[in-house]
Amino acid sequence: MTLPRHDPGEKAIRSFMHPAASILALGFLALPAFLGQLQGFPLLILMFVAMYFLLVAPNQRKQKTWQAMLAQLKAGDKVTTNAGIRGTIVSVKDDVLVIKTAPDGVKLEFVKSAIAAVTTEDVK
């Protein structure tokens, strides 16, 4: 006895279940397992946000204030360089400062980015 190759009932079942619907049904079945794997993901995002506010944002604010300080340098300001040399600004050009040191009056030329701090006290 041979079995028929085509069963009419099977075709009725196949036509009922569209391929996209079967994929969607499998997706809904896999959803709880997928959400279980994401339990640590919000914590990871929270850690990145915390690191941004603890490390990156303060450095950006510090960089902006330092850039503003460099933009306001003028002749007569007392400054300290990154190398620890203290002196008074004699002249300011585009990116270059000439600083006169105190004991011997030696004039040194520095780029603006070498200035660490302005030590001129503001007299009110």
PDB file of N, CA and C in Angstrom:
ATOM      1  N   MET A   1       0.832  -1.171   0.000  1.00  0.00           N
ATOM      2  CA  MET A   1       0.000   0.000   0.000  1.00  0.00           C
ATOM      3  C   MET A   1       0.884   1.245   0.000  1.00  0.00           C
ATOM      4  N   THR A   2       0.568   2.195  -0.833  1.00  0.00           N
ATOM      5  CA  THR A   2       1.345   3.418  -0.935  1.00  0.00           C
ATOM      6  C   THR A   2       0.570   4.573  -0.330  1.00  0.00           C
ATOM      7  N   LEU A   3       1.298   5.443   0.302  1.00  0.00           N
ATOM      8  CA  LEU A   3       0.686   6.626   0.915  1.00  0.00           C
ATOM      9  C   LEU A   3       0.580   7.730  -0.132  1.00  0.00           C
ATOM     10  N   PRO A   4      -0.490   8.503  -0.083  1.00  0.00           N
ATOM     11  CA  PRO A   4      -0.592   9.611  -1.054  1.00  0.00           C
ATOM     12  C   PRO A   4       0.461  10.670  -0.752  1.00  0.00           C
ATOM     13  N   ARG A   5       0.979  11.237  -1.784  1.00  0.00           N
ATOM     14  CA  ARG A   5       2.016  12.266  -1.624  1.00  0.00           C
ATOM     15  C   ARG A   5       1.435  13.596  -1.185  1.00  0.00           C
ATOM     16  N   HIS A   6       0.221  13.799  -1.450  1.00  0.00           N
ATOM     17  CA  HIS A   6      -0.383  15.097  -1.121  1.00  0.00           C
ATOM     18  C   HIS A   6      -1.629  14.847  -0.284  1.00  0.00           C
ATOM     19  N   ASP A   7      -1.607  15.395   0.933  1.00  0.00           N
ATOM     20  CA  ASP A   7      -2.760  15.238   1.824  1.00  0.00           C
ATOM     21  C   ASP A   7      -3.573  16.529   1.769  1.00  0.00           C
ATOM     22  N   PRO A   8      -4.861  16.493   1.411  1.00  0.00           N
ATOM     23  CA  PRO A   8      -5.667  17.715   1.311  1.00  0.00           C
ATOM     24  C   PRO A   8      -5.788  18.452   2.641  1.00  0.00           C
ATOM     25  N   GLY A   9      -5.776  17.762   3.765  1.00  0.00           N
ATOM     26  CA  GLY A   9      -5.867  18.412   5.070  1.00  0.00           C
ATOM     27  C   GLY A   9      -4.626  19.215   5.404  1.00  0.00           C
ATOM     28  N   GLU A  10      -3.500  18.747   4.941  1.00  0.00           N
ATOM     29  CA  GLU A  10      -2.232  19.444   5.186  1.00  0.00           C
ATOM     30  C   GLU A  10      -2.222  20.806   4.491  1.00  0.00           C
ATOM     31  N   LYS A  11      -2.781  20.865   3.315  1.00  0.00           N
ATOM     32  CA  LYS A  11      -2.832  22.133   2.595  1.00  0.00           C
ATOM     33  C   LYS A  11      -3.696  23.147   3.332  1.00  0.00           C
ATOM     34  N   ALA A  12      -4.772  22.693   3.948  1.00  0.00           N
ATOM     35  CA  ALA A  12      -5.638  23.602   4.695  1.00  0.00           C
ATOM     36  C   ALA A  12      -4.897  24.183   5.886  1.00  0.00           C
ATOM     37  N   ILE A  13      -4.060  23.388   6.545  1.00  0.00           N
ATOM     38  CA  ILE A  13      -3.286  23.879   7.687  1.00  0.00           C
ATOM     39  C   ILE A  13      -2.229  24.867   7.218  1.00  0.00           C
ATOM     40  N   ARG A  14      -1.565  24.567   6.139  1.00  0.00           N
ATOM     41  CA  ARG A  14      -0.525  25.457   5.622  1.00  0.00           C
ATOM     42  C   ARG A  14      -1.101  26.804   5.193  1.00  0.00           C
ATOM     43  N   SER A  15      -2.252  26.796   4.571  1.00  0.00           N
ATOM     44  CA  SER A  15      -2.822  28.047   4.126  1.00  0.00           C
ATOM     45  C   SER A  15      -3.303  28.893   5.300  1.00  0.00           C
ATOM     46  N   PHE A  16      -3.600  28.250   6.412  1.00  0.00           N
ATOM     47  CA  PHE A  16      -4.028  28.972   7.594  1.00  0.00           C
ATOM     48  C   PHE A  16      -2.863  29.731   8.228  1.00  0.00           C
ATOM     49  N   MET A  17      -1.677  29.162   8.229  1.00  0.00           N
ATOM     50  CA  MET A  17      -0.513  29.738   8.901  1.00  0.00           C
ATOM     51  C   MET A  17       0.393  30.392   7.859  1.00  0.00           C
ATOM     52  N   HIS A  18       0.372  31.691   7.787  1.00  0.00           N
ATOM     53  CA  HIS A  18       1.231  32.439   6.872  1.00  0.00           C
ATOM     54  C   HIS A  18       2.673  32.366   7.388  1.00  0.00           C
ATOM     55  N   PRO A  19       3.685  32.344   6.517  1.00  0.00           N
ATOM     56  CA  PRO A  19       5.082  32.259   6.985  1.00  0.00           C
ATOM     57  C   PRO A  19       5.482  33.415   7.904  1.00  0.00           C
ATOM     58  N   ALA A  20       5.006  34.622   7.625  1.00  0.00           N
ATOM     59  CA  ALA A  20       5.337  35.760   8.491  1.00  0.00           C
ATOM     60  C   ALA A  20       4.717  35.585   9.871  1.00  0.00           C
ATOM     61  N   ALA A  21       3.530  34.997   9.919  1.00  0.00           N
ATOM     62  CA  ALA A  21       2.884  34.773  11.209  1.00  0.00           C
ATOM     63  C   ALA A  21       3.630  33.731  12.015  1.00  0.00           C
ATOM     64  N   SER A  22       4.159  32.721  11.349  1.00  0.00           N
ATOM     65  CA  SER A  22       4.904  31.704  12.085  1.00  0.00           C
ATOM     66  C   SER A  22       6.201  32.286  12.640  1.00  0.00           C
ATOM     67  N   ILE A  23       6.834  33.160  11.896  1.00  0.00           N
ATOM     68  CA  ILE A  23       8.062  33.809  12.392  1.00  0.00           C
ATOM     69  C   ILE A  23       7.728  34.725  13.562  1.00  0.00           C
ATOM     70  N   LEU A  24       6.615  35.436  13.461  1.00  0.00           N
ATOM     71  CA  LEU A  24       6.186  36.304  14.549  1.00  0.00           C
ATOM     72  C   LEU A  24       5.862  35.502  15.800  1.00  0.00           C
ATOM     73  N   ALA A  25       5.220  34.340  15.615  1.00  0.00           N
ATOM     74  CA  ALA A  25       4.901  33.486  16.763  1.00  0.00           C
ATOM     75  C   ALA A  25       6.169  32.982  17.423  1.00  0.00           C
ATOM     76  N   LEU A  26       7.167  32.604  16.634  1.00  0.00           N
ATOM     77  CA  LEU A  26       8.442  32.165  17.211  1.00  0.00           C
ATOM     78  C   LEU A  26       9.129  33.314  17.950  1.00  0.00           C
ATOM     79  N   GLY A  27       8.974  34.521  17.422  1.00  0.00           N
ATOM     80  CA  GLY A  27       9.552  35.677  18.096  1.00  0.00           C
ATOM     81  C   GLY A  27       8.925  35.920  19.456  1.00  0.00           C
ATOM     82  N   PHE A  28       7.610  35.776  19.535  1.00  0.00           N
ATOM     83  CA  PHE A  28       6.938  35.951  20.829  1.00  0.00           C
ATOM     84  C   PHE A  28       7.316  34.857  21.812  1.00  0.00           C
ATOM     85  N   LEU A  29       7.564  33.654  21.302  1.00  0.00           N
ATOM     86  CA  LEU A  29       7.989  32.568  22.186  1.00  0.00           C
ATOM     87  C   LEU A  29       9.401  32.796  22.704  1.00  0.00           C
ATOM     88  N   ALA A  30      10.250  33.432  21.900  1.00  0.00           N
ATOM     89  CA  ALA A  30      11.634  33.669  22.293  1.00  0.00           C
ATOM     90  C   ALA A  30      11.801  34.955  23.089  1.00  0.00           C
ATOM     91  N   LEU A  31      10.778  35.797  23.157  1.00  0.00           N
ATOM     92  CA  LEU A  31      10.875  37.088  23.828  1.00  0.00           C
ATOM     93  C   LEU A  31      11.255  36.982  25.307  1.00  0.00           C
ATOM     94  N   PRO A  32      10.642  36.102  26.110  1.00  0.00           N
ATOM     95  CA  PRO A  32      11.038  36.026  27.525  1.00  0.00           C
ATOM     96  C   PRO A  32      12.504  35.637  27.712  1.00  0.00           C
ATOM     97  N   ALA A  33      13.015  34.745  26.872  1.00  0.00           N
ATOM     98  CA  ALA A  33      14.425  34.356  26.979  1.00  0.00           C
ATOM     99  C   ALA A  33      15.330  35.531  26.614  1.00  0.00           C
ATOM    100  N   PHE A  34      14.916  36.297  25.595  1.00  0.00           N
ATOM    101  CA  PHE A  34      15.716  37.454  25.180  1.00  0.00           C
ATOM    102  C   PHE A  34      15.739  38.520  26.270  1.00  0.00           C
ATOM    103  N   LEU A  35      14.590  38.776  26.887  1.00  0.00           N
ATOM    104  CA  LEU A  35      14.545  39.769  27.961  1.00  0.00           C
ATOM    105  C   LEU A  35      15.332  39.309  29.170  1.00  0.00           C
ATOM    106  N   GLY A  36      15.405  38.022  29.385  1.00  0.00           N
ATOM    107  CA  GLY A  36      16.210  37.503  30.480  1.00  0.00           C
ATOM    108  C   GLY A  36      17.694  37.766  30.273  1.00  0.00           C
ATOM    109  N   GLN A  37      18.116  37.766  29.026  1.00  0.00           N
ATOM    110  CA  GLN A  37      19.523  38.047  28.730  1.00  0.00           C
ATOM    111  C   GLN A  37      19.837  39.526  28.877  1.00  0.00           C
ATOM    112  N   LEU A  38      18.852  40.391  28.803  1.00  0.00           N
ATOM    113  CA  LEU A  38      19.080  41.835  28.879  1.00  0.00           C
ATOM    114  C   LEU A  38      19.037  42.378  30.307  1.00  0.00           C
ATOM    115  N   GLN A  39      19.029  41.545  31.298  1.00  0.00           N
ATOM    116  CA  GLN A  39      18.918  42.039  32.668  1.00  0.00           C
ATOM    117  C   GLN A  39      20.083  42.937  33.052  1.00  0.00           C
ATOM    118  N   GLY A  40      21.269  42.655  32.577  1.00  0.00           N
ATOM    119  CA  GLY A  40      22.432  43.473  32.913  1.00  0.00           C
ATOM    120  C   GLY A  40      22.630  44.667  32.010  1.00  0.00           C
ATOM    121  N   PHE A  41      21.893  44.743  30.909  1.00  0.00           N
ATOM    122  CA  PHE A  41      22.087  45.824  29.954  1.00  0.00           C
ATOM    123  C   PHE A  41      21.742  47.202  30.525  1.00  0.00           C
ATOM    124  N   PRO A  42      20.614  47.382  31.217  1.00  0.00           N
ATOM    125  CA  PRO A  42      20.341  48.704  31.799  1.00  0.00           C
ATOM    126  C   PRO A  42      21.402  49.122  32.818  1.00  0.00           C
ATOM    127  N   LEU A  43      21.949  48.163  33.541  1.00  0.00           N
ATOM    128  CA  LEU A  43      23.016  48.481  34.489  1.00  0.00           C
ATOM    129  C   LEU A  43      24.266  48.960  33.760  1.00  0.00           C
ATOM    130  N   LEU A  44      24.553  48.334  32.633  1.00  0.00           N
ATOM    131  CA  LEU A  44      25.705  48.747  31.833  1.00  0.00           C
ATOM    132  C   LEU A  44      25.521  50.167  31.302  1.00  0.00           C
ATOM    133  N   ILE A  45      24.328  50.474  30.822  1.00  0.00           N
ATOM    134  CA  ILE A  45      24.027  51.832  30.334  1.00  0.00           C
ATOM    135  C   ILE A  45      24.153  52.839  31.475  1.00  0.00           C
ATOM    136  N   LEU A  46      23.644  52.484  32.642  1.00  0.00           N
ATOM    137  CA  LEU A  46      23.737  53.357  33.810  1.00  0.00           C
ATOM    138  C   LEU A  46      25.197  53.620  34.192  1.00  0.00           C
ATOM    139  N   MET A  47      26.039  52.607  34.085  1.00  0.00           N
ATOM    140  CA  MET A  47      27.462  52.790  34.400  1.00  0.00           C
ATOM    141  C   MET A  47      28.124  53.747  33.416  1.00  0.00           C
ATOM    142  N   PHE A  48      27.785  53.636  32.116  1.00  0.00           N
ATOM    143  CA  PHE A  48      28.361  54.557  31.133  1.00  0.00           C
ATOM    144  C   PHE A  48      27.902  55.989  31.372  1.00  0.00           C
ATOM    145  N   VAL A  49      26.647  56.177  31.732  1.00  0.00           N
ATOM    146  CA  VAL A  49      26.136  57.518  32.027  1.00  0.00           C
ATOM    147  C   VAL A  49      26.833  58.091  33.253  1.00  0.00           C
ATOM    148  N   ALA A  50      27.021  57.269  34.290  1.00  0.00           N
ATOM    149  CA  ALA A  50      27.703  57.732  35.503  1.00  0.00           C
ATOM    150  C   ALA A  50      29.150  58.099  35.198  1.00  0.00           C
ATOM    151  N   MET A  51      29.846  57.300  34.405  1.00  0.00           N
ATOM    152  CA  MET A  51      31.236  57.604  34.053  1.00  0.00           C
ATOM    153  C   MET A  51      31.321  58.909  33.265  1.00  0.00           C
ATOM    154  N   TYR A  52      30.337  59.161  32.404  1.00  0.00           N
ATOM    155  CA  TYR A  52      30.348  60.412  31.655  1.00  0.00           C
ATOM    156  C   TYR A  52      30.251  61.596  32.602  1.00  0.00           C
ATOM    157  N   PHE A  53      29.306  61.536  33.546  1.00  0.00           N
ATOM    158  CA  PHE A  53      29.118  62.669  34.452  1.00  0.00           C
ATOM    159  C   PHE A  53      30.226  62.773  35.492  1.00  0.00           C
ATOM    160  N   LEU A  54      30.927  61.693  35.788  1.00  0.00           N
ATOM    161  CA  LEU A  54      32.001  61.747  36.776  1.00  0.00           C
ATOM    162  C   LEU A  54      33.355  62.083  36.161  1.00  0.00           C
ATOM    163  N   LEU A  55      33.582  61.704  34.910  1.00  0.00           N
ATOM    164  CA  LEU A  55      34.898  61.895  34.314  1.00  0.00           C
ATOM    165  C   LEU A  55      34.916  62.881  33.151  1.00  0.00           C
ATOM    166  N   VAL A  56      34.041  62.726  32.205  1.00  0.00           N
ATOM    167  CA  VAL A  56      34.115  63.509  30.972  1.00  0.00           C
ATOM    168  C   VAL A  56      33.598  64.930  31.172  1.00  0.00           C
ATOM    169  N   ALA A  57      32.437  65.084  31.774  1.00  0.00           N
ATOM    170  CA  ALA A  57      31.832  66.413  31.928  1.00  0.00           C
ATOM    171  C   ALA A  57      32.699  67.370  32.752  1.00  0.00           C
ATOM    172  N   PRO A  58      33.264  66.945  33.901  1.00  0.00           N
ATOM    173  CA  PRO A  58      34.129  67.882  34.634  1.00  0.00           C
ATOM    174  C   PRO A  58      35.371  68.297  33.846  1.00  0.00           C
ATOM    175  N   ASN A  59      35.938  67.377  33.069  1.00  0.00           N
ATOM    176  CA  ASN A  59      37.110  67.736  32.264  1.00  0.00           C
ATOM    177  C   ASN A  59      36.747  68.718  31.164  1.00  0.00           C
ATOM    178  N   GLN A  60      35.561  68.573  30.592  1.00  0.00           N
ATOM    179  CA  GLN A  60      35.144  69.529  29.571  1.00  0.00           C
ATOM    180  C   GLN A  60      34.950  70.917  30.167  1.00  0.00           C
ATOM    181  N   ARG A  61      34.370  70.992  31.352  1.00  0.00           N
ATOM    182  CA  ARG A  61      34.197  72.305  32.010  1.00  0.00           C
ATOM    183  C   ARG A  61      35.561  72.913  32.333  1.00  0.00           C
ATOM    184  N   LYS A  62      36.484  72.106  32.832  1.00  0.00           N
ATOM    185  CA  LYS A  62      37.820  72.596  33.167  1.00  0.00           C
ATOM    186  C   LYS A  62      38.534  73.085  31.908  1.00  0.00           C
ATOM    187  N   GLN A  63      38.384  72.360  30.807  1.00  0.00           N
ATOM    188  CA  GLN A  63      39.012  72.752  29.544  1.00  0.00           C
ATOM    189  C   GLN A  63      38.443  74.078  29.044  1.00  0.00           C
ATOM    190  N   LYS A  64      37.142  74.288  29.186  1.00  0.00           N
ATOM    191  CA  LYS A  64      36.527  75.541  28.747  1.00  0.00           C
ATOM    192  C   LYS A  64      37.020  76.722  29.571  1.00  0.00           C
ATOM    193  N   THR A  65      37.141  76.562  30.890  1.00  0.00           N
ATOM    194  CA  THR A  65      37.634  77.668  31.719  1.00  0.00           C
ATOM    195  C   THR A  65      39.092  77.970  31.415  1.00  0.00           C
ATOM    196  N   TRP A  66      39.884  76.929  31.129  1.00  0.00           N
ATOM    197  CA  TRP A  66      41.294  77.131  30.796  1.00  0.00           C
ATOM    198  C   TRP A  66      41.414  77.868  29.458  1.00  0.00           C
ATOM    199  N   GLN A  67      40.584  77.497  28.470  1.00  0.00           N
ATOM    200  CA  GLN A  67      40.604  78.187  27.181  1.00  0.00           C
ATOM    201  C   GLN A  67      40.184  79.651  27.340  1.00  0.00           C
ATOM    202  N   ALA A  68      39.207  79.919  28.207  1.00  0.00           N
ATOM    203  CA  ALA A  68      38.779  81.300  28.453  1.00  0.00           C
ATOM    204  C   ALA A  68      39.898  82.093  29.119  1.00  0.00           C
ATOM    205  N   MET A  69      40.629  81.460  30.033  1.00  0.00           N
ATOM    206  CA  MET A  69      41.749  82.127  30.691  1.00  0.00           C
ATOM    207  C   MET A  69      42.834  82.474  29.672  1.00  0.00           C
ATOM    208  N   LEU A  70      43.127  81.550  28.751  1.00  0.00           N
ATOM    209  CA  LEU A  70      44.150  81.822  27.740  1.00  0.00           C
ATOM    210  C   LEU A  70      43.719  82.947  26.800  1.00  0.00           C
ATOM    211  N   ALA A  71      42.435  83.032  26.521  1.00  0.00           N
ATOM    212  CA  ALA A  71      41.948  84.080  25.620  1.00  0.00           C
ATOM    213  C   ALA A  71      42.037  85.464  26.258  1.00  0.00           C
ATOM    214  N   GLN A  72      42.041  85.539  27.586  1.00  0.00           N
ATOM    215  CA  GLN A  72      42.058  86.831  28.286  1.00  0.00           C
ATOM    216  C   GLN A  72      43.455  87.261  28.714  1.00  0.00           C
ATOM    217  N   LEU A  73      44.493  86.534  28.322  1.00  0.00           N
ATOM    218  CA  LEU A  73      45.859  86.935  28.713  1.00  0.00           C
ATOM    219  C   LEU A  73      46.224  88.261  28.065  1.00  0.00           C
ATOM    220  N   LYS A  74      46.898  89.116  28.862  1.00  0.00           N
ATOM    221  CA  LYS A  74      47.319  90.421  28.358  1.00  0.00           C
ATOM    222  C   LYS A  74      48.657  90.778  28.993  1.00  0.00           C
ATOM    223  N   ALA A  75      49.298  91.772  28.430  1.00  0.00           N
ATOM    224  CA  ALA A  75      50.588  92.229  28.961  1.00  0.00           C
ATOM    225  C   ALA A  75      50.404  92.735  30.385  1.00  0.00           C
ATOM    226  N   GLY A  76      51.340  92.383  31.260  1.00  0.00           N
ATOM    227  CA  GLY A  76      51.281  92.795  32.656  1.00  0.00           C
ATOM    228  C   GLY A  76      50.738  91.708  33.580  1.00  0.00           C
ATOM    229  N   ASP A  77      50.103  90.663  33.038  1.00  0.00           N
ATOM    230  CA  ASP A  77      49.618  89.564  33.881  1.00  0.00           C
ATOM    231  C   ASP A  77      50.792  88.727  34.381  1.00  0.00           C
ATOM    232  N   LYS A  78      50.699  88.333  35.618  1.00  0.00           N
ATOM    233  CA  LYS A  78      51.695  87.422  36.177  1.00  0.00           C
ATOM    234  C   LYS A  78      51.181  85.998  35.969  1.00  0.00           C
ATOM    235  N   VAL A  79      52.032  85.143  35.393  1.00  0.00           N
ATOM    236  CA  VAL A  79      51.610  83.795  35.037  1.00  0.00           C
ATOM    237  C   VAL A  79      52.603  82.762  35.557  1.00  0.00           C
ATOM    238  N   THR A  80      52.139  81.539  35.616  1.00  0.00           N
ATOM    239  CA  THR A  80      52.971  80.383  35.920  1.00  0.00           C
ATOM    240  C   THR A  80      52.825  79.407  34.769  1.00  0.00           C
ATOM    241  N   THR A  81      53.951  78.906  34.261  1.00  0.00           N
ATOM    242  CA  THR A  81      53.907  77.970  33.139  1.00  0.00           C
ATOM    243  C   THR A  81      53.769  76.547  33.663  1.00  0.00           C
ATOM    244  N   ASN A  82      53.562  75.623  32.747  1.00  0.00           N
ATOM    245  CA  ASN A  82      53.482  74.210  33.119  1.00  0.00           C
ATOM    246  C   ASN A  82      54.813  73.705  33.666  1.00  0.00           C
ATOM    247  N   ALA A  83      55.893  74.342  33.305  1.00  0.00           N
ATOM    248  CA  ALA A  83      57.216  73.953  33.808  1.00  0.00           C
ATOM    249  C   ALA A  83      57.507  74.571  35.167  1.00  0.00           C
ATOM    250  N   GLY A  84      56.630  75.425  35.664  1.00  0.00           N
ATOM    251  CA  GLY A  84      56.821  76.049  36.967  1.00  0.00           C
ATOM    252  C   GLY A  84      57.539  77.379  36.918  1.00  0.00           C
ATOM    253  N   ILE A  85      57.782  77.913  35.750  1.00  0.00           N
ATOM    254  CA  ILE A  85      58.455  79.201  35.610  1.00  0.00           C
ATOM    255  C   ILE A  85      57.420  80.301  35.817  1.00  0.00           C
ATOM    256  N   ARG A  86      57.750  81.223  36.696  1.00  0.00           N
ATOM    257  CA  ARG A  86      56.855  82.350  36.971  1.00  0.00           C
ATOM    258  C   ARG A  86      57.429  83.614  36.375  1.00  0.00           C
ATOM    259  N   GLY A  87      56.535  84.452  35.869  1.00  0.00           N
ATOM    260  CA  GLY A  87      56.994  85.695  35.278  1.00  0.00           C
ATOM    261  C   GLY A  87      55.825  86.585  34.925  1.00  0.00           C
ATOM    262  N   THR A  88      56.179  87.721  34.315  1.00  0.00           N
ATOM    263  CA  THR A  88      55.185  88.702  33.904  1.00  0.00           C
ATOM    264  C   THR A  88      55.159  88.754  32.383  1.00  0.00           C
ATOM    265  N   ILE A  89      53.954  88.791  31.826  1.00  0.00           N
ATOM    266  CA  ILE A  89      53.828  88.825  30.368  1.00  0.00           C
ATOM    267  C   ILE A  89      54.256  90.201  29.870  1.00  0.00           C
ATOM    268  N   VAL A  90      55.178  90.198  28.895  1.00  0.00           N
ATOM    269  CA  VAL A  90      55.652  91.436  28.286  1.00  0.00           C
ATOM    270  C   VAL A  90      54.832  91.726  27.028  1.00  0.00           C
ATOM    271  N   SER A  91      54.624  90.693  26.197  1.00  0.00           N
ATOM    272  CA  SER A  91      53.845  90.899  24.971  1.00  0.00           C
ATOM    273  C   SER A  91      53.082  89.621  24.637  1.00  0.00           C
ATOM    274  N   VAL A  92      51.966  89.835  23.963  1.00  0.00           N
ATOM    275  CA  VAL A  92      51.116  88.724  23.536  1.00  0.00           C
ATOM    276  C   VAL A  92      50.926  88.835  22.033  1.00  0.00           C
ATOM    277  N   LYS A  93      51.275  87.779  21.325  1.00  0.00           N
ATOM    278  CA  LYS A  93      51.008  87.713  19.886  1.00  0.00           C
ATOM    279  C   LYS A  93      49.996  86.600  19.683  1.00  0.00           C
ATOM    280  N   ASP A  94      49.800  86.152  18.474  1.00  0.00           N
ATOM    281  CA  ASP A  94      48.772  85.156  18.157  1.00  0.00           C
ATOM    282  C   ASP A  94      48.776  83.985  19.134  1.00  0.00           C
ATOM    283  N   ASP A  95      49.815  83.192  19.094  1.00  0.00           N
ATOM    284  CA  ASP A  95      49.879  82.006  19.951  1.00  0.00           C
ATOM    285  C   ASP A  95      51.131  82.038  20.827  1.00  0.00           C
ATOM    286  N   VAL A  96      51.820  83.176  20.844  1.00  0.00           N
ATOM    287  CA  VAL A  96      53.113  83.259  21.537  1.00  0.00           C
ATOM    288  C   VAL A  96      53.066  84.361  22.588  1.00  0.00           C
ATOM    289  N   LEU A  97      53.654  84.056  23.750  1.00  0.00           N
ATOM    290  CA  LEU A  97      53.793  85.033  24.834  1.00  0.00           C
ATOM    291  C   LEU A  97      55.274  85.237  25.114  1.00  0.00           C
ATOM    292  N   VAL A  98      55.634  86.450  25.436  1.00  0.00           N
ATOM    293  CA  VAL A  98      56.987  86.726  25.922  1.00  0.00           C
ATOM    294  C   VAL A  98      56.848  87.040  27.401  1.00  0.00           C
ATOM    295  N   ILE A  99      57.567  86.262  28.222  1.00  0.00           N
ATOM    296  CA  ILE A  99      57.471  86.389  29.680  1.00  0.00           C
ATOM    297  C   ILE A  99      58.820  86.848  30.221  1.00  0.00           C
ATOM    298  N   LYS A 100      58.758  87.822  31.122  1.00  0.00           N
ATOM    299  CA  LYS A 100      59.964  88.343  31.768  1.00  0.00           C
ATOM    300  C   LYS A 100      60.014  87.744  33.172  1.00  0.00           C
ATOM    301  N   THR A 101      61.131  87.064  33.487  1.00  0.00           N
ATOM    302  CA  THR A 101      61.271  86.450  34.804  1.00  0.00           C
ATOM    303  C   THR A 101      61.802  87.467  35.800  1.00  0.00           C
ATOM    304  N   ALA A 102      61.550  87.216  37.072  1.00  0.00           N
ATOM    305  CA  ALA A 102      61.786  88.204  38.118  1.00  0.00           C
ATOM    306  C   ALA A 102      63.256  88.486  38.449  1.00  0.00           C
ATOM    307  N   PRO A 103      64.081  87.532  38.799  1.00  0.00           N
ATOM    308  CA  PRO A 103      65.377  87.943  39.348  1.00  0.00           C
ATOM    309  C   PRO A 103      66.299  88.646  38.351  1.00  0.00           C
ATOM    310  N   ASP A 104      66.418  88.110  37.128  1.00  0.00           N
ATOM    311  CA  ASP A 104      67.377  88.680  36.188  1.00  0.00           C
ATOM    312  C   ASP A 104      66.723  89.437  35.040  1.00  0.00           C
ATOM    313  N   GLY A 105      65.424  89.377  34.947  1.00  0.00           N
ATOM    314  CA  GLY A 105      64.733  90.051  33.847  1.00  0.00           C
ATOM    315  C   GLY A 105      64.912  89.335  32.522  1.00  0.00           C
ATOM    316  N   VAL A 106      65.157  88.037  32.559  1.00  0.00           N
ATOM    317  CA  VAL A 106      65.330  87.271  31.327  1.00  0.00           C
ATOM    318  C   VAL A 106      63.967  87.143  30.639  1.00  0.00           C
ATOM    319  N   LYS A 107      63.980  87.376  29.331  1.00  0.00           N
ATOM    320  CA  LYS A 107      62.735  87.250  28.569  1.00  0.00           C
ATOM    321  C   LYS A 107      62.706  85.878  27.897  1.00  0.00           C
ATOM    322  N   LEU A 108      61.602  85.167  28.125  1.00  0.00           N
ATOM    323  CA  LEU A 108      61.412  83.829  27.552  1.00  0.00           C
ATOM    324  C   LEU A 108      60.151  83.831  26.701  1.00  0.00           C
ATOM    325  N   GLU A 109      60.193  83.048  25.633  1.00  0.00           N
ATOM    326  CA  GLU A 109      59.051  82.977  24.729  1.00  0.00           C
ATOM    327  C   GLU A 109      58.354  81.625  24.923  1.00  0.00           C
ATOM    328  N   PHE A 110      57.046  81.662  25.116  1.00  0.00           N
ATOM    329  CA  PHE A 110      56.239  80.462  25.336  1.00  0.00           C
ATOM    330  C   PHE A 110      55.022  80.481  24.427  1.00  0.00           C
ATOM    331  N   VAL A 111      54.505  79.314  24.129  1.00  0.00           N
ATOM    332  CA  VAL A 111      53.209  79.241  23.464  1.00  0.00           C
ATOM    333  C   VAL A 111      52.136  79.388  24.546  1.00  0.00           C
ATOM    334  N   LYS A 112      50.957  79.848  24.153  1.00  0.00           N
ATOM    335  CA  LYS A 112      49.897  80.085  25.140  1.00  0.00           C
ATOM    336  C   LYS A 112      49.505  78.818  25.890  1.00  0.00           C
ATOM    337  N   SER A 113      49.564  77.677  25.221  1.00  0.00           N
ATOM    338  CA  SER A 113      49.139  76.436  25.866  1.00  0.00           C
ATOM    339  C   SER A 113      50.085  75.998  26.976  1.00  0.00           C
ATOM    340  N   ALA A 114      51.250  76.646  27.101  1.00  0.00           N
ATOM    341  CA  ALA A 114      52.185  76.315  28.174  1.00  0.00           C
ATOM    342  C   ALA A 114      51.850  77.036  29.473  1.00  0.00           C
ATOM    343  N   ILE A 115      50.867  77.921  29.464  1.00  0.00           N
ATOM    344  CA  ILE A 115      50.485  78.662  30.662  1.00  0.00           C
ATOM    345  C   ILE A 115      49.544  77.807  31.507  1.00  0.00           C
ATOM    346  N   ALA A 116      49.920  77.602  32.752  1.00  0.00           N
ATOM    347  CA  ALA A 116      49.099  76.789  33.655  1.00  0.00           C
ATOM    348  C   ALA A 116      48.117  77.655  34.432  1.00  0.00           C
ATOM    349  N   ALA A 117      48.549  78.822  34.861  1.00  0.00           N
ATOM    350  CA  ALA A 117      47.664  79.653  35.682  1.00  0.00           C
ATOM    351  C   ALA A 117      48.081  81.112  35.600  1.00  0.00           C
ATOM    352  N   VAL A 118      47.109  81.984  35.798  1.00  0.00           N
ATOM    353  CA  VAL A 118      47.366  83.418  35.926  1.00  0.00           C
ATOM    354  C   VAL A 118      47.378  83.716  37.414  1.00  0.00           C
ATOM    355  N   THR A 119      48.469  84.325  37.898  1.00  0.00           N
ATOM    356  CA  THR A 119      48.609  84.580  39.335  1.00  0.00           C
ATOM    357  C   THR A 119      48.461  86.045  39.697  1.00  0.00           C
ATOM    358  N   THR A 120      47.966  86.865  38.776  1.00  0.00           N
ATOM    359  CA  THR A 120      47.743  88.276  39.070  1.00  0.00           C
ATOM    360  C   THR A 120      46.574  88.393  40.035  1.00  0.00           C
ATOM    361  N   GLU A 121      46.827  89.112  41.151  1.00  0.00           N
ATOM    362  CA  GLU A 121      45.728  89.340  42.086  1.00  0.00           C
ATOM    363  C   GLU A 121      44.919  90.525  41.578  1.00  0.00           C
ATOM    364  N   ASP A 122      43.624  90.349  41.548  1.00  0.00           N
ATOM    365  CA  ASP A 122      42.733  91.428  41.117  1.00  0.00           C
ATOM    366  C   ASP A 122      42.538  92.410  42.264  1.00  0.00           C
ATOM    367  N   VAL A 123      42.931  93.682  42.052  1.00  0.00           N
ATOM    368  CA  VAL A 123      42.760  94.720  43.049  1.00  0.00           C
ATOM    369  C   VAL A 123      41.442  95.419  42.778  1.00  0.00           C
ATOM    370  N   LYS A 124      40.553  95.464  43.775  1.00  0.00           N
ATOM    371  CA  LYS A 124      39.246  96.098  43.572  1.00  0.00           C
ATOM    372  C   LYS A 124      39.177  97.438  44.213  1.00  0.00           C
TER     373      LYS A 124
END
